[in-house]
Amino acid sequence: MEIKHFSLHDVKADEAARTIEGWASTFGNVDSDNDIIAPGAFVDSIKTKMPKMLWQHRTDQVIGVWNEAAETAQGLYVKGTILDTTLGEDAYKLAKAGAIDSMSIGFSTQKYVVDRENNTRVIQAVKLWEVSLVTFPANEMARIMGVKSKPATERELEKHLRDVGFSQTEAKKIVAEGYKALSNQRDAEEVPELATLLNQFKL
């Protein structure tokens, strides 16, 4: 499951109804992972099922229910009710006070294209699992960890290769046979960091 965060812009809290609303995602901007979420990415998913409302992406910490989810020109708008539980009460007070100022979505990518020229991935369709209220931007934390450590297993290396734009088939082929296996299909300069990464990783 992938995770992306967004600031809680235009959040409104209704104390009587214990509702919260805002933008769970925005369209068109390049995020810290060099991803762009395209309009229409959430349409099929939210038609089928509402995402869960979680605290800090913890599946065992449900704090409420998202009652509405809709795509607009700006992005994915959500509105929900925070439950009158101990955890829900704490989350609601923190969000209302501005101490919690980010939303984060957990999703599975269903369709995307890679823009080689701009080195970005355009996400066109997702399965949206949950929208969380979070303290820190989860995707930025993941990015920092990725810089500090190299992949420890072949599976992690394959995931990293897919993250930088290779298809699943290409990533598996590189892990199994080395980058030269694709030398007739790609220019090595397309992904400058790959040579360094493979030199560090013992296949």
N, C-alpha and C. Protein backbone atom coordinates (compact mmCIF):
# COMPACT_ATOMS: atom_id res chain seq x y z
N MET A 1 0.84 -1.19 0.00
CA MET A 1 0.00 0.00 0.00
C MET A 1 0.87 1.25 0.00
N GLU A 2 0.56 2.20 -0.83
CA GLU A 2 1.29 3.46 -0.89
C GLU A 2 0.60 4.50 -0.01
N ILE A 3 1.40 5.47 0.43
CA ILE A 3 0.90 6.50 1.32
C ILE A 3 1.33 7.87 0.82
N LYS A 4 0.42 8.83 0.84
CA LYS A 4 0.75 10.20 0.50
C LYS A 4 0.01 11.13 1.45
N HIS A 5 0.66 12.26 1.78
CA HIS A 5 0.05 13.18 2.73
C HIS A 5 -0.29 14.50 2.07
N PHE A 6 -1.24 15.19 2.67
CA PHE A 6 -1.65 16.50 2.20
C PHE A 6 -2.03 17.35 3.40
N SER A 7 -1.68 18.63 3.35
CA SER A 7 -2.01 19.52 4.45
C SER A 7 -3.53 19.66 4.56
N LEU A 8 -3.98 19.90 5.77
CA LEU A 8 -5.41 20.03 6.02
C LEU A 8 -5.89 21.44 5.66
N HIS A 9 -5.85 21.75 4.36
CA HIS A 9 -6.33 23.05 3.92
C HIS A 9 -7.86 23.10 4.01
N ASP A 10 -8.39 24.24 4.38
CA ASP A 10 -9.84 24.48 4.38
C ASP A 10 -10.60 23.45 5.21
N VAL A 11 -10.00 23.01 6.30
CA VAL A 11 -10.68 22.07 7.17
C VAL A 11 -11.72 22.81 8.02
N LYS A 12 -12.90 22.25 8.11
CA LYS A 12 -13.95 22.83 8.92
C LYS A 12 -14.38 21.80 9.96
N ALA A 13 -14.48 22.24 11.19
CA ALA A 13 -14.89 21.34 12.26
C ALA A 13 -16.17 21.86 12.88
N ASP A 14 -17.18 21.04 12.90
CA ASP A 14 -18.48 21.38 13.48
C ASP A 14 -18.59 20.63 14.80
N GLU A 15 -18.48 21.36 15.91
CA GLU A 15 -18.42 20.71 17.22
C GLU A 15 -19.71 19.98 17.56
N ALA A 16 -20.84 20.54 17.17
CA ALA A 16 -22.12 19.91 17.50
C ALA A 16 -22.27 18.58 16.76
N ALA A 17 -21.91 18.58 15.50
CA ALA A 17 -22.07 17.38 14.69
C ALA A 17 -20.83 16.50 14.69
N ARG A 18 -19.70 17.02 15.22
CA ARG A 18 -18.42 16.32 15.26
C ARG A 18 -18.00 15.89 13.86
N THR A 19 -18.14 16.80 12.91
CA THR A 19 -17.74 16.50 11.54
C THR A 19 -16.44 17.21 11.20
N ILE A 20 -15.76 16.67 10.23
CA ILE A 20 -14.52 17.27 9.73
C ILE A 20 -14.53 17.11 8.23
N GLU A 21 -14.04 18.13 7.52
CA GLU A 21 -14.01 18.05 6.08
C GLU A 21 -12.79 18.77 5.54
N GLY A 22 -12.40 18.40 4.35
CA GLY A 22 -11.23 19.01 3.74
C GLY A 22 -10.80 18.24 2.50
N TRP A 23 -9.59 18.54 2.03
CA TRP A 23 -9.06 17.91 0.81
C TRP A 23 -8.10 16.80 1.20
N ALA A 24 -8.44 15.58 0.86
CA ALA A 24 -7.59 14.43 1.17
C ALA A 24 -6.48 14.28 0.15
N SER A 25 -6.66 14.88 -1.03
CA SER A 25 -5.67 14.79 -2.10
C SER A 25 -5.88 15.94 -3.06
N THR A 26 -4.83 16.35 -3.72
CA THR A 26 -4.95 17.39 -4.73
C THR A 26 -4.40 16.88 -6.06
N PHE A 27 -4.89 17.45 -7.14
CA PHE A 27 -4.52 17.01 -8.47
C PHE A 27 -3.46 17.93 -9.10
N GLY A 28 -2.62 17.33 -9.93
CA GLY A 28 -1.76 18.11 -10.80
C GLY A 28 -0.41 18.51 -10.25
N ASN A 29 -0.21 18.50 -8.94
CA ASN A 29 1.08 18.93 -8.39
C ASN A 29 2.02 17.73 -8.24
N VAL A 30 3.31 17.99 -8.38
CA VAL A 30 4.33 16.95 -8.21
C VAL A 30 4.66 16.85 -6.73
N ASP A 31 4.53 15.63 -6.16
CA ASP A 31 4.81 15.48 -4.73
C ASP A 31 6.26 15.08 -4.50
N SER A 32 6.60 14.78 -3.26
CA SER A 32 7.98 14.48 -2.89
C SER A 32 8.48 13.17 -3.48
N ASP A 33 7.59 12.34 -3.97
CA ASP A 33 7.98 11.08 -4.62
C ASP A 33 8.02 11.22 -6.14
N ASN A 34 7.90 12.47 -6.64
CA ASN A 34 7.82 12.72 -8.08
C ASN A 34 6.60 12.07 -8.71
N ASP A 35 5.53 12.00 -7.95
CA ASP A 35 4.26 11.48 -8.45
C ASP A 35 3.28 12.63 -8.66
N ILE A 36 2.41 12.45 -9.63
CA ILE A 36 1.31 13.37 -9.88
C ILE A 36 0.02 12.56 -9.89
N ILE A 37 -0.94 12.94 -9.09
CA ILE A 37 -2.23 12.26 -9.11
C ILE A 37 -3.13 12.98 -10.09
N ALA A 38 -3.63 12.25 -11.07
CA ALA A 38 -4.43 12.84 -12.14
C ALA A 38 -5.91 12.84 -11.77
N PRO A 39 -6.65 13.82 -12.28
CA PRO A 39 -8.10 13.82 -12.09
C PRO A 39 -8.71 12.52 -12.58
N GLY A 40 -9.66 12.00 -11.82
CA GLY A 40 -10.28 10.73 -12.18
C GLY A 40 -9.67 9.53 -11.49
N ALA A 41 -8.56 9.74 -10.78
CA ALA A 41 -7.85 8.62 -10.16
C ALA A 41 -8.68 7.91 -9.10
N PHE A 42 -9.59 8.65 -8.43
CA PHE A 42 -10.34 8.07 -7.32
C PHE A 42 -11.77 7.67 -7.69
N VAL A 43 -12.20 8.05 -8.87
CA VAL A 43 -13.62 7.92 -9.24
C VAL A 43 -14.16 6.51 -9.03
N ASP A 44 -13.52 5.52 -9.63
CA ASP A 44 -14.03 4.15 -9.54
C ASP A 44 -14.00 3.63 -8.12
N SER A 45 -12.95 3.96 -7.38
CA SER A 45 -12.81 3.45 -6.02
C SER A 45 -13.90 3.97 -5.09
N ILE A 46 -14.15 5.29 -5.12
CA ILE A 46 -15.13 5.85 -4.19
C ILE A 46 -16.57 5.54 -4.60
N LYS A 47 -16.75 5.12 -5.84
CA LYS A 47 -18.08 4.65 -6.25
C LYS A 47 -18.40 3.32 -5.59
N THR A 48 -17.37 2.53 -5.38
CA THR A 48 -17.53 1.19 -4.84
C THR A 48 -17.64 1.17 -3.32
N LYS A 49 -16.76 1.95 -2.66
CA LYS A 49 -16.71 1.88 -1.20
C LYS A 49 -16.04 3.11 -0.63
N MET A 50 -16.54 3.60 0.49
CA MET A 50 -15.92 4.71 1.19
C MET A 50 -14.61 4.25 1.84
N PRO A 51 -13.59 5.11 1.86
CA PRO A 51 -12.36 4.75 2.57
C PRO A 51 -12.60 4.75 4.08
N LYS A 52 -11.74 4.09 4.82
CA LYS A 52 -11.80 4.10 6.28
C LYS A 52 -11.19 5.40 6.81
N MET A 53 -11.68 5.86 7.96
CA MET A 53 -11.06 7.00 8.63
C MET A 53 -10.19 6.45 9.76
N LEU A 54 -8.88 6.61 9.61
CA LEU A 54 -7.94 6.05 10.58
C LEU A 54 -7.11 7.14 11.25
N TRP A 55 -6.49 6.76 12.33
CA TRP A 55 -5.55 7.62 13.04
C TRP A 55 -4.14 7.12 12.76
N GLN A 56 -3.32 7.95 12.11
CA GLN A 56 -1.91 7.66 11.86
C GLN A 56 -1.71 6.36 11.06
N HIS A 57 -2.65 6.03 10.18
CA HIS A 57 -2.58 4.83 9.33
C HIS A 57 -2.65 3.53 10.12
N ARG A 58 -3.12 3.60 11.36
CA ARG A 58 -3.24 2.40 12.19
C ARG A 58 -4.58 1.74 11.91
N THR A 59 -4.54 0.55 11.36
CA THR A 59 -5.79 -0.14 11.03
C THR A 59 -6.58 -0.54 12.27
N ASP A 60 -5.92 -0.56 13.43
CA ASP A 60 -6.61 -0.89 14.67
C ASP A 60 -7.08 0.37 15.40
N GLN A 61 -6.94 1.54 14.77
CA GLN A 61 -7.34 2.78 15.41
C GLN A 61 -8.26 3.57 14.47
N VAL A 62 -9.48 3.11 14.38
CA VAL A 62 -10.51 3.78 13.59
C VAL A 62 -11.09 4.92 14.43
N ILE A 63 -11.10 6.14 13.90
CA ILE A 63 -11.55 7.28 14.70
C ILE A 63 -12.89 7.83 14.24
N GLY A 64 -13.41 7.33 13.13
CA GLY A 64 -14.68 7.84 12.65
C GLY A 64 -15.09 7.20 11.35
N VAL A 65 -15.98 7.89 10.64
CA VAL A 65 -16.52 7.38 9.38
C VAL A 65 -16.52 8.50 8.35
N TRP A 66 -15.94 8.24 7.19
CA TRP A 66 -16.07 9.19 6.09
C TRP A 66 -17.43 8.99 5.44
N ASN A 67 -18.26 10.03 5.47
CA ASN A 67 -19.61 9.94 4.91
C ASN A 67 -19.68 10.39 3.46
N GLU A 68 -18.74 11.25 3.08
CA GLU A 68 -18.73 11.77 1.72
C GLU A 68 -17.31 11.74 1.16
N ALA A 69 -17.21 11.42 -0.10
CA ALA A 69 -15.94 11.49 -0.83
C ALA A 69 -16.29 11.81 -2.27
N ALA A 70 -15.70 12.87 -2.78
CA ALA A 70 -16.04 13.28 -4.14
C ALA A 70 -14.85 13.96 -4.78
N GLU A 71 -14.69 13.73 -6.08
CA GLU A 71 -13.66 14.43 -6.82
C GLU A 71 -14.19 15.78 -7.28
N THR A 72 -13.35 16.80 -7.15
CA THR A 72 -13.64 18.13 -7.67
C THR A 72 -12.49 18.52 -8.58
N ALA A 73 -12.54 19.72 -9.13
CA ALA A 73 -11.45 20.19 -9.98
C ALA A 73 -10.15 20.30 -9.19
N GLN A 74 -10.27 20.54 -7.88
CA GLN A 74 -9.10 20.72 -7.03
C GLN A 74 -8.49 19.40 -6.57
N GLY A 75 -9.35 18.45 -6.27
CA GLY A 75 -8.82 17.19 -5.77
C GLY A 75 -9.90 16.33 -5.16
N LEU A 76 -9.52 15.50 -4.19
CA LEU A 76 -10.46 14.60 -3.52
C LEU A 76 -10.94 15.24 -2.23
N TYR A 77 -12.22 15.56 -2.19
CA TYR A 77 -12.84 16.17 -1.02
C TYR A 77 -13.47 15.07 -0.16
N VAL A 78 -13.25 15.15 1.15
CA VAL A 78 -13.85 14.18 2.06
C VAL A 78 -14.51 14.91 3.22
N LYS A 79 -15.57 14.31 3.72
CA LYS A 79 -16.26 14.84 4.90
C LYS A 79 -16.71 13.65 5.73
N GLY A 80 -16.49 13.74 7.03
CA GLY A 80 -16.86 12.61 7.86
C GLY A 80 -17.18 13.00 9.29
N THR A 81 -17.58 12.01 10.05
CA THR A 81 -17.94 12.18 11.45
C THR A 81 -16.93 11.47 12.33
N ILE A 82 -16.37 12.20 13.28
CA ILE A 82 -15.44 11.59 14.23
C ILE A 82 -16.24 11.03 15.40
N LEU A 83 -15.97 9.80 15.75
CA LEU A 83 -16.75 9.11 16.78
C LEU A 83 -16.45 9.65 18.19
N ASP A 84 -17.43 9.53 19.05
CA ASP A 84 -17.30 9.99 20.44
C ASP A 84 -16.68 8.89 21.29
N THR A 85 -15.45 8.55 20.93
CA THR A 85 -14.67 7.58 21.70
C THR A 85 -13.47 8.33 22.29
N THR A 86 -12.72 7.68 23.14
CA THR A 86 -11.54 8.33 23.72
C THR A 86 -10.56 8.75 22.64
N LEU A 87 -10.27 7.85 21.73
CA LEU A 87 -9.35 8.16 20.63
C LEU A 87 -9.94 9.21 19.70
N GLY A 88 -11.23 9.05 19.39
CA GLY A 88 -11.89 10.01 18.50
C GLY A 88 -11.91 11.40 19.09
N GLU A 89 -12.19 11.50 20.38
CA GLU A 89 -12.23 12.80 21.05
C GLU A 89 -10.87 13.48 21.01
N ASP A 90 -9.83 12.70 21.28
CA ASP A 90 -8.48 13.26 21.23
C ASP A 90 -8.13 13.74 19.82
N ALA A 91 -8.45 12.92 18.83
CA ALA A 91 -8.14 13.27 17.44
C ALA A 91 -8.90 14.52 17.02
N TYR A 92 -10.16 14.60 17.40
CA TYR A 92 -10.99 15.74 17.04
C TYR A 92 -10.45 17.05 17.64
N LYS A 93 -10.10 17.03 18.93
CA LYS A 93 -9.58 18.22 19.59
C LYS A 93 -8.26 18.66 18.99
N LEU A 94 -7.40 17.70 18.64
CA LEU A 94 -6.10 18.03 18.05
C LEU A 94 -6.28 18.65 16.66
N ALA A 95 -7.21 18.10 15.87
CA ALA A 95 -7.45 18.63 14.54
C ALA A 95 -8.07 20.02 14.62
N LYS A 96 -9.00 20.20 15.52
CA LYS A 96 -9.68 21.48 15.66
C LYS A 96 -8.71 22.57 16.12
N ALA A 97 -7.77 22.21 16.98
CA ALA A 97 -6.79 23.17 17.48
C ALA A 97 -5.67 23.44 16.49
N GLY A 98 -5.59 22.63 15.44
CA GLY A 98 -4.53 22.81 14.45
C GLY A 98 -3.25 22.07 14.79
N ALA A 99 -3.26 21.30 15.89
CA ALA A 99 -2.07 20.52 16.25
C ALA A 99 -1.84 19.39 15.26
N ILE A 100 -2.92 18.85 14.72
CA ILE A 100 -2.84 17.89 13.62
C ILE A 100 -3.22 18.66 12.36
N ASP A 101 -2.28 18.75 11.41
CA ASP A 101 -2.53 19.59 10.25
C ASP A 101 -2.32 18.87 8.92
N SER A 102 -2.36 17.55 8.95
CA SER A 102 -2.16 16.81 7.71
C SER A 102 -3.14 15.65 7.59
N MET A 103 -3.55 15.38 6.36
CA MET A 103 -4.26 14.16 6.01
C MET A 103 -3.31 13.29 5.21
N SER A 104 -3.52 12.02 5.23
CA SER A 104 -2.69 11.12 4.47
C SER A 104 -3.55 10.00 3.93
N ILE A 105 -3.36 9.65 2.67
CA ILE A 105 -4.17 8.60 2.06
C ILE A 105 -3.35 7.33 1.89
N GLY A 106 -4.00 6.21 2.09
CA GLY A 106 -3.39 4.90 1.84
C GLY A 106 -4.11 4.25 0.67
N PHE A 107 -3.36 3.84 -0.34
CA PHE A 107 -3.99 3.36 -1.56
C PHE A 107 -3.11 2.36 -2.29
N SER A 108 -3.71 1.66 -3.23
CA SER A 108 -2.99 0.78 -4.15
C SER A 108 -3.12 1.36 -5.55
N THR A 109 -2.00 1.50 -6.24
CA THR A 109 -2.02 2.05 -7.59
C THR A 109 -2.57 1.00 -8.56
N GLN A 110 -3.55 1.38 -9.34
CA GLN A 110 -4.16 0.49 -10.32
C GLN A 110 -3.67 0.78 -11.74
N LYS A 111 -3.38 2.04 -12.02
CA LYS A 111 -2.96 2.43 -13.37
C LYS A 111 -2.11 3.68 -13.29
N TYR A 112 -1.01 3.69 -14.05
CA TYR A 112 -0.16 4.88 -14.09
C TYR A 112 0.67 4.88 -15.37
N VAL A 113 1.19 6.03 -15.70
CA VAL A 113 2.14 6.16 -16.81
C VAL A 113 3.36 6.90 -16.29
N VAL A 114 4.50 6.65 -16.90
CA VAL A 114 5.74 7.31 -16.51
C VAL A 114 6.12 8.35 -17.54
N ASP A 115 6.34 9.56 -17.08
CA ASP A 115 6.79 10.66 -17.94
C ASP A 115 8.31 10.70 -17.84
N ARG A 116 8.99 10.09 -18.81
CA ARG A 116 10.46 10.02 -18.78
C ARG A 116 11.10 11.40 -18.85
N GLU A 117 10.52 12.26 -19.63
CA GLU A 117 11.10 13.59 -19.83
C GLU A 117 11.17 14.37 -18.54
N ASN A 118 10.11 14.28 -17.73
CA ASN A 118 10.06 15.03 -16.47
C ASN A 118 10.36 14.17 -15.25
N ASN A 119 10.64 12.87 -15.49
CA ASN A 119 10.95 11.93 -14.41
C ASN A 119 9.86 11.90 -13.35
N THR A 120 8.61 11.80 -13.82
CA THR A 120 7.48 11.72 -12.91
C THR A 120 6.60 10.53 -13.26
N ARG A 121 5.85 10.09 -12.28
CA ARG A 121 4.85 9.05 -12.48
C ARG A 121 3.47 9.68 -12.34
N VAL A 122 2.66 9.52 -13.35
CA VAL A 122 1.31 10.08 -13.32
C VAL A 122 0.34 8.97 -12.93
N ILE A 123 -0.23 9.07 -11.74
CA ILE A 123 -1.13 8.05 -11.23
C ILE A 123 -2.53 8.32 -11.75
N GLN A 124 -3.08 7.37 -12.51
CA GLN A 124 -4.35 7.58 -13.19
C GLN A 124 -5.53 6.89 -12.52
N ALA A 125 -5.27 5.84 -11.75
CA ALA A 125 -6.35 5.12 -11.07
C ALA A 125 -5.79 4.44 -9.83
N VAL A 126 -6.54 4.53 -8.72
CA VAL A 126 -6.11 3.91 -7.48
C VAL A 126 -7.27 3.19 -6.81
N LYS A 127 -6.93 2.28 -5.91
CA LYS A 127 -7.87 1.71 -4.97
C LYS A 127 -7.62 2.41 -3.65
N LEU A 128 -8.54 3.27 -3.23
CA LEU A 128 -8.36 4.05 -2.02
C LEU A 128 -8.82 3.25 -0.81
N TRP A 129 -7.89 2.94 0.08
CA TRP A 129 -8.22 2.12 1.25
C TRP A 129 -8.62 2.97 2.45
N GLU A 130 -7.87 4.05 2.70
CA GLU A 130 -8.14 4.83 3.91
C GLU A 130 -7.63 6.26 3.77
N VAL A 131 -8.22 7.13 4.56
CA VAL A 131 -7.76 8.51 4.72
C VAL A 131 -7.53 8.73 6.20
N SER A 132 -6.29 9.05 6.55
CA SER A 132 -5.91 9.19 7.96
C SER A 132 -5.66 10.64 8.33
N LEU A 133 -5.84 10.95 9.62
CA LEU A 133 -5.31 12.18 10.20
C LEU A 133 -3.95 11.81 10.77
N VAL A 134 -2.92 12.60 10.44
CA VAL A 134 -1.56 12.24 10.84
C VAL A 134 -0.81 13.43 11.43
N THR A 135 0.17 13.12 12.25
CA THR A 135 1.01 14.14 12.85
C THR A 135 2.10 14.59 11.90
N PHE A 136 2.80 13.62 11.33
CA PHE A 136 3.89 13.91 10.41
C PHE A 136 3.57 13.34 9.03
N PRO A 137 4.08 13.97 7.98
CA PRO A 137 3.87 13.47 6.62
C PRO A 137 4.54 12.11 6.43
N ALA A 138 3.73 11.08 6.31
CA ALA A 138 4.27 9.72 6.23
C ALA A 138 5.14 9.53 5.00
N ASN A 139 4.77 10.08 3.86
CA ASN A 139 5.55 9.82 2.66
C ASN A 139 6.91 10.50 2.72
N GLU A 140 7.06 11.63 3.39
CA GLU A 140 8.36 12.27 3.53
C GLU A 140 9.26 11.45 4.44
N MET A 141 8.70 10.84 5.46
CA MET A 141 9.48 9.98 6.33
C MET A 141 10.02 8.79 5.55
N ALA A 142 9.19 8.23 4.70
CA ALA A 142 9.62 7.09 3.89
C ALA A 142 10.74 7.50 2.93
N ARG A 143 10.63 8.69 2.37
CA ARG A 143 11.63 9.16 1.42
C ARG A 143 12.99 9.31 2.11
N ILE A 144 13.00 9.86 3.34
CA ILE A 144 14.25 10.04 4.07
C ILE A 144 14.89 8.70 4.38
N MET A 145 14.12 7.72 4.80
CA MET A 145 14.64 6.39 5.08
C MET A 145 15.25 5.79 3.83
N GLY A 146 14.63 6.04 2.69
CA GLY A 146 15.16 5.49 1.44
C GLY A 146 16.52 6.05 1.09
N VAL A 147 16.77 7.31 1.43
CA VAL A 147 18.05 7.93 1.16
C VAL A 147 19.12 7.36 2.07
N LYS A 148 18.76 7.09 3.32
CA LYS A 148 19.73 6.66 4.31
C LYS A 148 20.15 5.21 4.15
N SER A 149 19.29 4.39 3.57
CA SER A 149 19.60 2.97 3.52
C SER A 149 19.39 2.40 2.13
N LYS A 150 20.23 1.46 1.76
CA LYS A 150 20.07 0.78 0.48
C LYS A 150 19.15 -0.41 0.66
N PRO A 151 18.56 -0.93 -0.42
CA PRO A 151 17.69 -2.11 -0.31
C PRO A 151 18.43 -3.29 0.30
N ALA A 152 17.79 -3.95 1.23
CA ALA A 152 18.43 -5.06 1.94
C ALA A 152 18.11 -6.42 1.32
N THR A 153 17.07 -6.50 0.51
CA THR A 153 16.67 -7.75 -0.11
C THR A 153 16.36 -7.53 -1.57
N GLU A 154 16.26 -8.61 -2.31
CA GLU A 154 15.92 -8.51 -3.73
C GLU A 154 14.52 -7.92 -3.90
N ARG A 155 13.64 -8.25 -2.99
CA ARG A 155 12.27 -7.71 -3.07
C ARG A 155 12.27 -6.20 -2.91
N GLU A 156 13.08 -5.69 -1.95
CA GLU A 156 13.17 -4.25 -1.76
C GLU A 156 13.79 -3.57 -2.96
N LEU A 157 14.81 -4.21 -3.56
CA LEU A 157 15.42 -3.66 -4.77
C LEU A 157 14.41 -3.60 -5.91
N GLU A 158 13.62 -4.65 -6.06
CA GLU A 158 12.59 -4.67 -7.11
C GLU A 158 11.59 -3.54 -6.90
N LYS A 159 11.18 -3.32 -5.64
CA LYS A 159 10.23 -2.24 -5.34
C LYS A 159 10.85 -0.89 -5.68
N HIS A 160 12.13 -0.71 -5.33
CA HIS A 160 12.79 0.56 -5.62
C HIS A 160 12.85 0.80 -7.13
N LEU A 161 13.14 -0.22 -7.90
CA LEU A 161 13.20 -0.09 -9.35
C LEU A 161 11.85 0.31 -9.93
N ARG A 162 10.78 -0.26 -9.37
CA ARG A 162 9.44 0.10 -9.83
C ARG A 162 9.12 1.54 -9.44
N ASP A 163 9.60 1.96 -8.27
CA ASP A 163 9.34 3.33 -7.82
C ASP A 163 9.99 4.36 -8.73
N VAL A 164 11.17 4.01 -9.32
CA VAL A 164 11.85 4.97 -10.18
C VAL A 164 11.43 4.84 -11.64
N GLY A 165 10.44 3.98 -11.92
CA GLY A 165 9.85 4.01 -13.25
C GLY A 165 9.88 2.74 -14.07
N PHE A 166 10.55 1.68 -13.58
CA PHE A 166 10.58 0.45 -14.33
C PHE A 166 9.28 -0.33 -14.14
N SER A 167 8.88 -1.07 -15.16
CA SER A 167 7.71 -1.92 -15.02
C SER A 167 8.04 -3.11 -14.13
N GLN A 168 7.01 -3.85 -13.71
CA GLN A 168 7.25 -5.01 -12.86
C GLN A 168 8.11 -6.04 -13.58
N THR A 169 7.83 -6.26 -14.87
CA THR A 169 8.61 -7.22 -15.65
C THR A 169 10.07 -6.80 -15.75
N GLU A 170 10.29 -5.50 -16.02
CA GLU A 170 11.65 -5.00 -16.15
C GLU A 170 12.39 -5.08 -14.83
N ALA A 171 11.71 -4.73 -13.73
CA ALA A 171 12.35 -4.77 -12.42
C ALA A 171 12.78 -6.19 -12.06
N LYS A 172 11.90 -7.16 -12.31
CA LYS A 172 12.23 -8.56 -12.03
C LYS A 172 13.41 -9.02 -12.87
N LYS A 173 13.45 -8.57 -14.12
CA LYS A 173 14.53 -8.97 -15.03
C LYS A 173 15.87 -8.40 -14.57
N ILE A 174 15.85 -7.14 -14.11
CA ILE A 174 17.08 -6.52 -13.62
C ILE A 174 17.59 -7.23 -12.38
N VAL A 175 16.68 -7.55 -11.46
CA VAL A 175 17.09 -8.24 -10.23
C VAL A 175 17.65 -9.63 -10.55
N ALA A 176 17.03 -10.31 -11.50
CA ALA A 176 17.44 -11.68 -11.82
C ALA A 176 18.69 -11.73 -12.70
N GLU A 177 18.81 -10.78 -13.66
CA GLU A 177 19.86 -10.90 -14.66
C GLU A 177 20.82 -9.72 -14.73
N GLY A 178 20.52 -8.66 -13.99
CA GLY A 178 21.35 -7.47 -14.04
C GLY A 178 20.82 -6.47 -15.06
N TYR A 179 21.29 -5.23 -14.95
CA TYR A 179 20.78 -4.16 -15.82
C TYR A 179 21.10 -4.41 -17.29
N LYS A 180 22.19 -5.10 -17.59
CA LYS A 180 22.55 -5.35 -18.98
C LYS A 180 21.49 -6.17 -19.71
N ALA A 181 20.63 -6.84 -18.95
CA ALA A 181 19.57 -7.63 -19.58
C ALA A 181 18.63 -6.75 -20.37
N LEU A 182 18.58 -5.46 -20.01
CA LEU A 182 17.69 -4.54 -20.70
C LEU A 182 18.46 -3.56 -21.58
N SER A 183 19.73 -3.82 -21.82
CA SER A 183 20.57 -2.86 -22.52
C SER A 183 20.10 -2.56 -23.93
N ASN A 184 19.42 -3.51 -24.55
CA ASN A 184 18.93 -3.28 -25.91
C ASN A 184 17.60 -2.54 -25.93
N GLN A 185 16.99 -2.38 -24.74
CA GLN A 185 15.68 -1.76 -24.67
C GLN A 185 15.73 -0.35 -24.10
N ARG A 186 16.77 -0.06 -23.28
CA ARG A 186 16.84 1.23 -22.59
C ARG A 186 18.24 1.79 -22.60
N ASP A 187 18.33 3.08 -22.48
CA ASP A 187 19.60 3.77 -22.29
C ASP A 187 19.85 3.85 -20.79
N ALA A 188 21.04 3.46 -20.33
CA ALA A 188 21.34 3.45 -18.90
C ALA A 188 21.22 4.82 -18.27
N GLU A 189 21.34 5.86 -19.08
CA GLU A 189 21.26 7.20 -18.53
C GLU A 189 19.84 7.61 -18.18
N GLU A 190 18.85 6.79 -18.53
CA GLU A 190 17.47 7.13 -18.20
C GLU A 190 17.27 7.19 -16.70
N VAL A 191 17.97 6.33 -15.96
CA VAL A 191 17.87 6.32 -14.50
C VAL A 191 19.29 6.41 -13.95
N PRO A 192 19.84 7.62 -13.78
CA PRO A 192 21.23 7.82 -13.40
C PRO A 192 21.63 7.12 -12.12
N GLU A 193 20.70 6.99 -11.14
CA GLU A 193 21.06 6.41 -9.85
C GLU A 193 21.16 4.90 -9.89
N LEU A 194 20.76 4.27 -10.99
CA LEU A 194 20.65 2.82 -11.01
C LEU A 194 22.01 2.14 -10.90
N ALA A 195 23.01 2.65 -11.62
CA ALA A 195 24.33 2.01 -11.59
C ALA A 195 24.89 2.02 -10.18
N THR A 196 24.77 3.14 -9.49
CA THR A 196 25.25 3.24 -8.11
C THR A 196 24.50 2.29 -7.20
N LEU A 197 23.18 2.23 -7.37
CA LEU A 197 22.35 1.35 -6.55
C LEU A 197 22.75 -0.10 -6.72
N LEU A 198 22.94 -0.53 -7.96
CA LEU A 198 23.29 -1.92 -8.22
C LEU A 198 24.68 -2.26 -7.76
N ASN A 199 25.57 -1.27 -7.78
CA ASN A 199 26.93 -1.50 -7.26
C ASN A 199 26.90 -1.74 -5.76
N GLN A 200 25.94 -1.12 -5.07
CA GLN A 200 25.84 -1.30 -3.62
C GLN A 200 25.13 -2.59 -3.25
N PHE A 201 24.22 -3.00 -4.11
CA PHE A 201 23.38 -4.16 -3.79
C PHE A 201 24.00 -5.43 -4.36
N LYS A 202 24.17 -6.43 -3.54
CA LYS A 202 24.77 -7.69 -3.97
C LYS A 202 23.69 -8.64 -4.45
N LEU A 203 23.61 -8.84 -5.76
CA LEU A 203 22.60 -9.73 -6.32
C LEU A 203 23.03 -11.18 -6.15
